[in-house]
């Protein structure tokens, strides 16, 4: 057997990330953020006419939670 042509692959756990994976991860994060913002905007628009007893808007945006890590199959 000619063992000179066998190429070993890096382990994903090795920590070295190629630029394409980083670009895909960044793009996926941006896409998810835009989708969530759009969905929230539609929800708030749908309840814009709802008011509580004192006349304030019943459904409002209350701020942001800290960033969380989302697990996917992309490494």
PDB file of N, CA and C in Angstrom:
ATOM      1  N   UNK A   1       0.838  -1.182   0.000  1.00  0.00           N
ATOM      2  CA  UNK A   1       0.000   0.000   0.000  1.00  0.00           C
ATOM      3  C   UNK A   1       0.878   1.239   0.000  1.00  0.00           C
ATOM      4  N   UNK A   2       0.414   2.235  -0.675  1.00  0.00           N
ATOM      5  CA  UNK A   2       1.126   3.504  -0.729  1.00  0.00           C
ATOM      6  C   UNK A   2       0.516   4.448   0.305  1.00  0.00           C
ATOM      7  N   UNK A   3       1.172   4.542   1.459  1.00  0.00           N
ATOM      8  CA  UNK A   3       0.633   5.360   2.538  1.00  0.00           C
ATOM      9  C   UNK A   3       0.958   6.840   2.373  1.00  0.00           C
ATOM     10  N   UNK A   4       1.703   7.207   1.356  1.00  0.00           N
ATOM     11  CA  UNK A   4       2.081   8.597   1.150  1.00  0.00           C
ATOM     12  C   UNK A   4       0.938   9.475   0.672  1.00  0.00           C
ATOM     13  N   UNK A   5      -0.172   8.882   0.222  1.00  0.00           N
ATOM     14  CA  UNK A   5      -1.282   9.660  -0.301  1.00  0.00           C
ATOM     15  C   UNK A   5      -2.449   9.768   0.671  1.00  0.00           C
ATOM     16  N   UNK A   6      -2.291   9.273   1.867  1.00  0.00           N
ATOM     17  CA  UNK A   6      -3.351   9.345   2.863  1.00  0.00           C
ATOM     18  C   UNK A   6      -3.258  10.701   3.566  1.00  0.00           C
ATOM     19  N   UNK A   7      -4.357  11.419   3.569  1.00  0.00           N
ATOM     20  CA  UNK A   7      -4.390  12.747   4.188  1.00  0.00           C
ATOM     21  C   UNK A   7      -5.305  12.675   5.406  1.00  0.00           C
ATOM     22  N   UNK A   8      -4.799  13.081   6.531  1.00  0.00           N
ATOM     23  CA  UNK A   8      -5.599  13.101   7.749  1.00  0.00           C
ATOM     24  C   UNK A   8      -6.386  14.402   7.852  1.00  0.00           C
ATOM     25  N   UNK A   9      -7.627  14.314   8.315  1.00  0.00           N
ATOM     26  CA  UNK A   9      -8.465  15.489   8.508  1.00  0.00           C
ATOM     27  C   UNK A   9      -8.326  15.998   9.930  1.00  0.00           C
ATOM     28  N   UNK A  10      -8.435  17.315  10.069  1.00  0.00           N
ATOM     29  CA  UNK A  10      -8.405  17.901  11.405  1.00  0.00           C
ATOM     30  C   UNK A  10      -9.673  17.530  12.151  1.00  0.00           C
ATOM     31  N   UNK A  11      -9.532  17.372  13.414  1.00  0.00           N
ATOM     32  CA  UNK A  11     -10.691  17.113  14.254  1.00  0.00           C
ATOM     33  C   UNK A  11     -11.442  18.427  14.487  1.00  0.00           C
ATOM     34  N   UNK A  12     -12.780  18.434  14.417  1.00  0.00           N
ATOM     35  CA  UNK A  12     -13.517  19.669  14.678  1.00  0.00           C
ATOM     36  C   UNK A  12     -13.262  20.214  16.084  1.00  0.00           C
ATOM     37  N   UNK A  13     -12.901  19.338  16.997  1.00  0.00           N
ATOM     38  CA  UNK A  13     -12.644  19.767  18.366  1.00  0.00           C
ATOM     39  C   UNK A  13     -11.264  20.396  18.526  1.00  0.00           C
ATOM     40  N   UNK A  14     -10.486  20.431  17.472  1.00  0.00           N
ATOM     41  CA  UNK A  14      -9.136  20.972  17.562  1.00  0.00           C
ATOM     42  C   UNK A  14      -9.124  22.473  17.813  1.00  0.00           C
ATOM     43  N   UNK A  15     -10.251  23.150  17.557  1.00  0.00           N
ATOM     44  CA  UNK A  15     -10.345  24.570  17.857  1.00  0.00           C
ATOM     45  C   UNK A  15      -9.981  25.477  16.700  1.00  0.00           C
ATOM     46  N   UNK A  16      -9.313  24.968  15.690  1.00  0.00           N
ATOM     47  CA  UNK A  16      -8.952  25.795  14.546  1.00  0.00           C
ATOM     48  C   UNK A  16     -10.174  25.912  13.641  1.00  0.00           C
ATOM     49  N   UNK A  17     -10.596  27.137  13.388  1.00  0.00           N
ATOM     50  CA  UNK A  17     -11.788  27.363  12.582  1.00  0.00           C
ATOM     51  C   UNK A  17     -11.380  27.946  11.240  1.00  0.00           C
ATOM     52  N   UNK A  18     -11.888  27.377  10.178  1.00  0.00           N
ATOM     53  CA  UNK A  18     -11.570  27.915   8.865  1.00  0.00           C
ATOM     54  C   UNK A  18     -12.426  29.161   8.602  1.00  0.00           C
ATOM     55  N   UNK A  19     -11.994  30.038   7.730  1.00  0.00           N
ATOM     56  CA  UNK A  19     -12.713  31.296   7.483  1.00  0.00           C
ATOM     57  C   UNK A  19     -14.135  31.098   6.967  1.00  0.00           C
ATOM     58  N   UNK A  20     -14.379  30.069   6.170  1.00  0.00           N
ATOM     59  CA  UNK A  20     -15.716  29.835   5.640  1.00  0.00           C
ATOM     60  C   UNK A  20     -16.700  29.499   6.755  1.00  0.00           C
ATOM     61  N   UNK A  21     -16.281  28.663   7.692  1.00  0.00           N
ATOM     62  CA  UNK A  21     -17.151  28.318   8.811  1.00  0.00           C
ATOM     63  C   UNK A  21     -17.470  29.551   9.646  1.00  0.00           C
ATOM     64  N   UNK A  22     -16.483  30.393   9.873  1.00  0.00           N
ATOM     65  CA  UNK A  22     -16.722  31.633  10.616  1.00  0.00           C
ATOM     66  C   UNK A  22     -17.690  32.544   9.893  1.00  0.00           C
ATOM     67  N   UNK A  23     -17.556  32.632   8.584  1.00  0.00           N
ATOM     68  CA  UNK A  23     -18.461  33.463   7.783  1.00  0.00           C
ATOM     69  C   UNK A  23     -19.877  32.906   7.822  1.00  0.00           C
ATOM     70  N   UNK A  24     -20.020  31.594   7.695  1.00  0.00           N
ATOM     71  CA  UNK A  24     -21.336  30.964   7.758  1.00  0.00           C
ATOM     72  C   UNK A  24     -21.975  31.156   9.130  1.00  0.00           C
ATOM     73  N   UNK A  25     -21.187  31.003  10.185  1.00  0.00           N
ATOM     74  CA  UNK A  25     -21.712  31.177  11.535  1.00  0.00           C
ATOM     75  C   UNK A  25     -22.196  32.614  11.740  1.00  0.00           C
ATOM     76  N   UNK A  26     -21.395  33.569  11.311  1.00  0.00           N
ATOM     77  CA  UNK A  26     -21.764  34.973  11.452  1.00  0.00           C
ATOM     78  C   UNK A  26     -23.021  35.291  10.644  1.00  0.00           C
ATOM     79  N   UNK A  27     -23.092  34.788   9.420  1.00  0.00           N
ATOM     80  CA  UNK A  27     -24.267  35.018   8.584  1.00  0.00           C
ATOM     81  C   UNK A  27     -25.520  34.399   9.176  1.00  0.00           C
ATOM     82  N   UNK A  28     -25.382  33.201   9.734  1.00  0.00           N
ATOM     83  CA  UNK A  28     -26.534  32.535  10.350  1.00  0.00           C
ATOM     84  C   UNK A  28     -27.021  33.315  11.570  1.00  0.00           C
ATOM     85  N   UNK A  29     -26.104  33.830  12.371  1.00  0.00           N
ATOM     86  CA  UNK A  29     -26.491  34.628  13.534  1.00  0.00           C
ATOM     87  C   UNK A  29     -27.241  35.883  13.109  1.00  0.00           C
ATOM     88  N   UNK A  30     -26.742  36.561  12.073  1.00  0.00           N
ATOM     89  CA  UNK A  30     -27.410  37.768  11.580  1.00  0.00           C
ATOM     90  C   UNK A  30     -28.791  37.441  11.021  1.00  0.00           C
ATOM     91  N   UNK A  31     -28.891  36.352  10.284  1.00  0.00           N
ATOM     92  CA  UNK A  31     -30.165  35.952   9.710  1.00  0.00           C
ATOM     93  C   UNK A  31     -31.190  35.630  10.799  1.00  0.00           C
ATOM     94  N   UNK A  32     -30.764  34.909  11.826  1.00  0.00           N
ATOM     95  CA  UNK A  32     -31.667  34.600  12.939  1.00  0.00           C
ATOM     96  C   UNK A  32     -32.103  35.866  13.664  1.00  0.00           C
ATOM     97  N   UNK A  33     -31.175  36.782  13.877  1.00  0.00           N
ATOM     98  CA  UNK A  33     -31.516  38.025  14.561  1.00  0.00           C
ATOM     99  C   UNK A  33     -32.526  38.830  13.742  1.00  0.00           C
ATOM    100  N   UNK A  34     -32.329  38.914  12.446  1.00  0.00           N
ATOM    101  CA  UNK A  34     -33.263  39.642  11.592  1.00  0.00           C
ATOM    102  C   UNK A  34     -34.641  38.974  11.582  1.00  0.00           C
ATOM    103  N   UNK A  35     -34.676  37.657  11.558  1.00  0.00           N
ATOM    104  CA  UNK A  35     -35.945  36.932  11.552  1.00  0.00           C
ATOM    105  C   UNK A  35     -36.704  37.151  12.853  1.00  0.00           C
ATOM    106  N   UNK A  36     -36.000  37.101  13.980  1.00  0.00           N
ATOM    107  CA  UNK A  36     -36.647  37.311  15.276  1.00  0.00           C
ATOM    108  C   UNK A  36     -37.161  38.744  15.384  1.00  0.00           C
ATOM    109  N   UNK A  37     -36.366  39.716  14.947  1.00  0.00           N
ATOM    110  CA  UNK A  37     -36.792  41.116  14.987  1.00  0.00           C
ATOM    111  C   UNK A  37     -38.025  41.337  14.115  1.00  0.00           C
ATOM    112  N   UNK A  38     -38.055  40.735  12.920  1.00  0.00           N
ATOM    113  CA  UNK A  38     -39.205  40.883  12.026  1.00  0.00           C
ATOM    114  C   UNK A  38     -40.455  40.255  12.638  1.00  0.00           C
ATOM    115  N   UNK A  39     -40.295  39.083  13.236  1.00  0.00           N
ATOM    116  CA  UNK A  39     -41.436  38.416  13.859  1.00  0.00           C
ATOM    117  C   UNK A  39     -41.958  39.220  15.044  1.00  0.00           C
ATOM    118  N   UNK A  40     -41.054  39.770  15.839  1.00  0.00           N
ATOM    119  CA  UNK A  40     -41.459  40.593  16.968  1.00  0.00           C
ATOM    120  C   UNK A  40     -42.183  41.851  16.486  1.00  0.00           C
ATOM    121  N   UNK A  41     -41.681  42.457  15.411  1.00  0.00           N
ATOM    122  CA  UNK A  41     -42.334  43.640  14.861  1.00  0.00           C
ATOM    123  C   UNK A  41     -43.764  43.348  14.426  1.00  0.00           C
ATOM    124  N   UNK A  42     -43.961  42.195  13.786  1.00  0.00           N
ATOM    125  CA  UNK A  42     -45.308  41.797  13.365  1.00  0.00           C
ATOM    126  C   UNK A  42     -46.207  41.549  14.571  1.00  0.00           C
ATOM    127  N   UNK A  43     -45.680  40.905  15.599  1.00  0.00           N
ATOM    128  CA  UNK A  43     -46.465  40.655  16.806  1.00  0.00           C
ATOM    129  C   UNK A  43     -46.887  41.963  17.462  1.00  0.00           C
ATOM    130  N   UNK A  44     -45.943  42.884  17.626  1.00  0.00           N
ATOM    131  CA  UNK A  44     -46.268  44.163  18.247  1.00  0.00           C
ATOM    132  C   UNK A  44     -47.273  44.951  17.412  1.00  0.00           C
ATOM    133  N   UNK A  45     -47.140  44.906  16.094  1.00  0.00           N
ATOM    134  CA  UNK A  45     -48.088  45.602  15.223  1.00  0.00           C
ATOM    135  C   UNK A  45     -49.486  45.001  15.342  1.00  0.00           C
ATOM    136  N   UNK A  46     -49.560  43.693  15.522  1.00  0.00           N
ATOM    137  CA  UNK A  46     -50.851  43.022  15.658  1.00  0.00           C
ATOM    138  C   UNK A  46     -51.579  43.381  16.940  1.00  0.00           C
ATOM    139  N   UNK A  47     -50.843  43.749  17.974  1.00  0.00           N
ATOM    140  CA  UNK A  47     -51.448  44.100  19.260  1.00  0.00           C
ATOM    141  C   UNK A  47     -51.349  45.595  19.558  1.00  0.00           C
ATOM    142  N   UNK A  48     -51.052  46.414  18.566  1.00  0.00           N
ATOM    143  CA  UNK A  48     -50.858  47.850  18.782  1.00  0.00           C
ATOM    144  C   UNK A  48     -52.112  48.535  19.309  1.00  0.00           C
ATOM    145  N   UNK A  49     -53.283  48.000  18.990  1.00  0.00           N
ATOM    146  CA  UNK A  49     -54.528  48.644  19.433  1.00  0.00           C
ATOM    147  C   UNK A  49     -54.993  48.172  20.807  1.00  0.00           C
ATOM    148  N   UNK A  50     -54.330  47.203  21.395  1.00  0.00           N
ATOM    149  CA  UNK A  50     -54.707  46.705  22.728  1.00  0.00           C
ATOM    150  C   UNK A  50     -54.221  47.672  23.800  1.00  0.00           C
ATOM    151  N   UNK A  51     -55.096  48.048  24.710  1.00  0.00           N
ATOM    152  CA  UNK A  51     -54.761  48.984  25.792  1.00  0.00           C
ATOM    153  C   UNK A  51     -55.181  48.387  27.128  1.00  0.00           C
ATOM    154  N   UNK A  52     -54.453  48.756  28.192  1.00  0.00           N
ATOM    155  CA  UNK A  52     -54.838  48.330  29.529  1.00  0.00           C
ATOM    156  C   UNK A  52     -55.817  49.359  30.106  1.00  0.00           C
ATOM    157  N   UNK A  53     -56.226  49.184  31.365  1.00  0.00           N
ATOM    158  CA  UNK A  53     -57.228  50.055  31.983  1.00  0.00           C
ATOM    159  C   UNK A  53     -56.823  51.535  31.982  1.00  0.00           C
ATOM    160  N   UNK A  54     -55.563  51.892  32.294  1.00  0.00           N
ATOM    161  CA  UNK A  54     -55.179  53.311  32.248  1.00  0.00           C
ATOM    162  C   UNK A  54     -54.960  53.854  30.834  1.00  0.00           C
ATOM    163  N   UNK A  55     -55.080  53.017  29.808  1.00  0.00           N
ATOM    164  CA  UNK A  55     -54.943  53.475  28.432  1.00  0.00           C
ATOM    165  C   UNK A  55     -53.564  53.295  27.825  1.00  0.00           C
ATOM    166  N   UNK A  56     -52.668  52.628  28.547  1.00  0.00           N
ATOM    167  CA  UNK A  56     -51.332  52.370  27.991  1.00  0.00           C
ATOM    168  C   UNK A  56     -51.372  51.159  27.079  1.00  0.00           C
ATOM    169  N   UNK A  57     -50.409  51.091  26.177  1.00  0.00           N
ATOM    170  CA  UNK A  57     -50.316  49.951  25.264  1.00  0.00           C
ATOM    171  C   UNK A  57     -50.087  48.682  26.081  1.00  0.00           C
ATOM    172  N   UNK A  58     -50.875  47.644  25.819  1.00  0.00           N
ATOM    173  CA  UNK A  58     -50.832  46.422  26.620  1.00  0.00           C
ATOM    174  C   UNK A  58     -49.655  45.521  26.259  1.00  0.00           C
ATOM    175  N   UNK A  59     -49.273  45.477  24.995  1.00  0.00           N
ATOM    176  CA  UNK A  59     -48.174  44.607  24.560  1.00  0.00           C
ATOM    177  C   UNK A  59     -47.050  45.504  24.064  1.00  0.00           C
ATOM    178  N   UNK A  60     -45.933  45.471  24.789  1.00  0.00           N
ATOM    179  CA  UNK A  60     -44.790  46.313  24.452  1.00  0.00           C
ATOM    180  C   UNK A  60     -43.508  45.505  24.509  1.00  0.00           C
ATOM    181  N   UNK A  61     -42.468  46.062  23.949  1.00  0.00           N
ATOM    182  CA  UNK A  61     -41.149  45.443  24.014  1.00  0.00           C
ATOM    183  C   UNK A  61     -40.504  45.874  25.329  1.00  0.00           C
ATOM    184  N   UNK A  62     -40.039  44.912  26.096  1.00  0.00           N
ATOM    185  CA  UNK A  62     -39.490  45.212  27.418  1.00  0.00           C
ATOM    186  C   UNK A  62     -37.981  45.121  27.502  1.00  0.00           C
ATOM    187  N   UNK A  63     -37.268  45.167  26.412  1.00  0.00           N
ATOM    188  CA  UNK A  63     -35.811  45.125  26.492  1.00  0.00           C
ATOM    189  C   UNK A  63     -35.245  43.831  25.962  1.00  0.00           C
ATOM    190  N   UNK A  64     -34.013  43.540  26.360  1.00  0.00           N
ATOM    191  CA  UNK A  64     -33.276  42.393  25.828  1.00  0.00           C
ATOM    192  C   UNK A  64     -32.721  41.549  26.966  1.00  0.00           C
ATOM    193  N   UNK A  65     -32.641  40.275  26.725  1.00  0.00           N
ATOM    194  CA  UNK A  65     -31.958  39.367  27.641  1.00  0.00           C
ATOM    195  C   UNK A  65     -30.493  39.277  27.225  1.00  0.00           C
ATOM    196  N   UNK A  66     -29.626  38.797  28.102  1.00  0.00           N
ATOM    197  CA  UNK A  66     -28.218  38.633  27.721  1.00  0.00           C
ATOM    198  C   UNK A  66     -28.074  37.645  26.567  1.00  0.00           C
ATOM    199  N   UNK A  67     -27.013  37.799  25.795  1.00  0.00           N
ATOM    200  CA  UNK A  67     -26.756  36.900  24.676  1.00  0.00           C
ATOM    201  C   UNK A  67     -26.588  35.472  25.184  1.00  0.00           C
ATOM    202  N   UNK A  68     -27.103  34.518  24.405  1.00  0.00           N
ATOM    203  CA  UNK A  68     -26.989  33.111  24.765  1.00  0.00           C
ATOM    204  C   UNK A  68     -26.347  32.340  23.626  1.00  0.00           C
ATOM    205  N   UNK A  69     -25.776  31.224  23.942  1.00  0.00           N
ATOM    206  CA  UNK A  69     -25.156  30.375  22.931  1.00  0.00           C
ATOM    207  C   UNK A  69     -26.206  29.418  22.380  1.00  0.00           C
ATOM    208  N   UNK A  70     -26.288  29.344  21.047  1.00  0.00           N
ATOM    209  CA  UNK A  70     -27.217  28.431  20.396  1.00  0.00           C
ATOM    210  C   UNK A  70     -26.410  27.292  19.779  1.00  0.00           C
ATOM    211  N   UNK A  71     -26.821  26.058  20.056  1.00  0.00           N
ATOM    212  CA  UNK A  71     -26.107  24.900  19.531  1.00  0.00           C
ATOM    213  C   UNK A  71     -26.716  24.475  18.210  1.00  0.00           C
ATOM    214  N   UNK A  72     -25.855  24.278  17.199  1.00  0.00           N
ATOM    215  CA  UNK A  72     -26.286  23.787  15.892  1.00  0.00           C
ATOM    216  C   UNK A  72     -25.320  22.705  15.436  1.00  0.00           C
ATOM    217  N   UNK A  73     -25.552  22.164  14.258  1.00  0.00           N
ATOM    218  CA  UNK A  73     -24.653  21.165  13.700  1.00  0.00           C
ATOM    219  C   UNK A  73     -23.428  21.788  13.061  1.00  0.00           C
ATOM    220  N   UNK A  74     -23.437  23.105  12.852  1.00  0.00           N
ATOM    221  CA  UNK A  74     -22.290  23.777  12.253  1.00  0.00           C
ATOM    222  C   UNK A  74     -21.192  23.879  13.298  1.00  0.00           C
ATOM    223  N   UNK A  75     -20.011  23.462  12.929  1.00  0.00           N
ATOM    224  CA  UNK A  75     -18.884  23.534  13.873  1.00  0.00           C
ATOM    225  C   UNK A  75     -17.861  24.509  13.410  1.00  0.00           C
TER     226      UNK A  75
END
